[in-house]
Amino acid sequence: GNIGIAEIDELKARLDKITKVNGVA
C-alpha cells in the first residue's frame, strides 16, 4: 500500500532530530 502523509511527516521529524543530534545542518 501507499505510505500516508502522516507516516512521511513522522519519518521526516525523526530524521530532523537525528541530524540535529549529529550536528549536521
N, C-alpha and C. Protein backbone atom coordinates (compact mmCIF):
# COMPACT_ATOMS: atom_id res chain seq x y z
N GLY A 1 0.82 -1.21 0.00
CA GLY A 1 0.00 0.00 0.00
C GLY A 1 0.86 1.26 0.00
N ASN A 2 0.21 2.39 -0.20
CA ASN A 2 0.93 3.66 -0.21
C ASN A 2 1.21 4.13 1.20
N ILE A 3 2.31 4.84 1.36
CA ILE A 3 2.67 5.39 2.67
C ILE A 3 1.92 6.69 2.85
N GLY A 4 1.21 6.81 3.99
CA GLY A 4 0.42 8.01 4.25
C GLY A 4 1.29 9.21 4.55
N ILE A 5 0.71 10.38 4.37
CA ILE A 5 1.45 11.62 4.62
C ILE A 5 1.87 11.68 6.09
N ALA A 6 1.04 11.17 6.97
CA ALA A 6 1.36 11.19 8.41
C ALA A 6 2.64 10.41 8.67
N GLU A 7 2.77 9.25 8.01
CA GLU A 7 3.98 8.44 8.19
C GLU A 7 5.20 9.17 7.65
N ILE A 8 5.04 9.83 6.51
CA ILE A 8 6.15 10.57 5.91
C ILE A 8 6.58 11.70 6.84
N ASP A 9 5.60 12.44 7.37
CA ASP A 9 5.92 13.55 8.28
C ASP A 9 6.64 13.04 9.51
N GLU A 10 6.22 11.86 10.00
CA GLU A 10 6.86 11.31 11.20
C GLU A 10 8.31 10.94 10.90
N LEU A 11 8.54 10.34 9.75
CA LEU A 11 9.91 9.96 9.38
C LEU A 11 10.78 11.20 9.21
N LYS A 12 10.21 12.24 8.61
CA LYS A 12 10.97 13.49 8.44
C LYS A 12 11.33 14.08 9.80
N ALA A 13 10.38 14.02 10.73
CA ALA A 13 10.62 14.56 12.06
C ALA A 13 11.74 13.79 12.74
N ARG A 14 11.73 12.45 12.59
CA ARG A 14 12.78 11.62 13.20
C ARG A 14 14.14 11.96 12.59
N LEU A 15 14.19 12.08 11.28
CA LEU A 15 15.46 12.40 10.61
C LEU A 15 15.95 13.76 11.05
N ASP A 16 15.02 14.71 11.22
CA ASP A 16 15.41 16.06 11.64
C ASP A 16 16.03 16.01 13.02
N LYS A 17 15.47 15.22 13.91
CA LYS A 17 16.01 15.09 15.27
C LYS A 17 17.39 14.45 15.22
N ILE A 18 17.54 13.42 14.40
CA ILE A 18 18.83 12.72 14.30
C ILE A 18 19.91 13.66 13.77
N THR A 19 19.57 14.43 12.73
CA THR A 19 20.57 15.33 12.14
C THR A 19 20.97 16.40 13.15
N LYS A 20 20.01 16.85 13.96
CA LYS A 20 20.33 17.87 14.98
C LYS A 20 21.24 17.28 16.03
N VAL A 21 21.00 16.03 16.42
CA VAL A 21 21.84 15.37 17.42
C VAL A 21 23.25 15.18 16.89
N ASN A 22 23.35 14.84 15.60
CA ASN A 22 24.66 14.61 15.00
C ASN A 22 25.35 15.91 14.64
N GLY A 23 24.63 17.03 14.71
CA GLY A 23 25.22 18.32 14.40
C GLY A 23 25.31 18.56 12.90
N VAL A 24 24.50 17.86 12.13
CA VAL A 24 24.51 18.05 10.68
C VAL A 24 23.36 18.98 10.31
N ALA A 25 23.66 20.11 9.71
CA ALA A 25 22.63 21.09 9.39
C ALA A 25 21.83 20.66 8.16
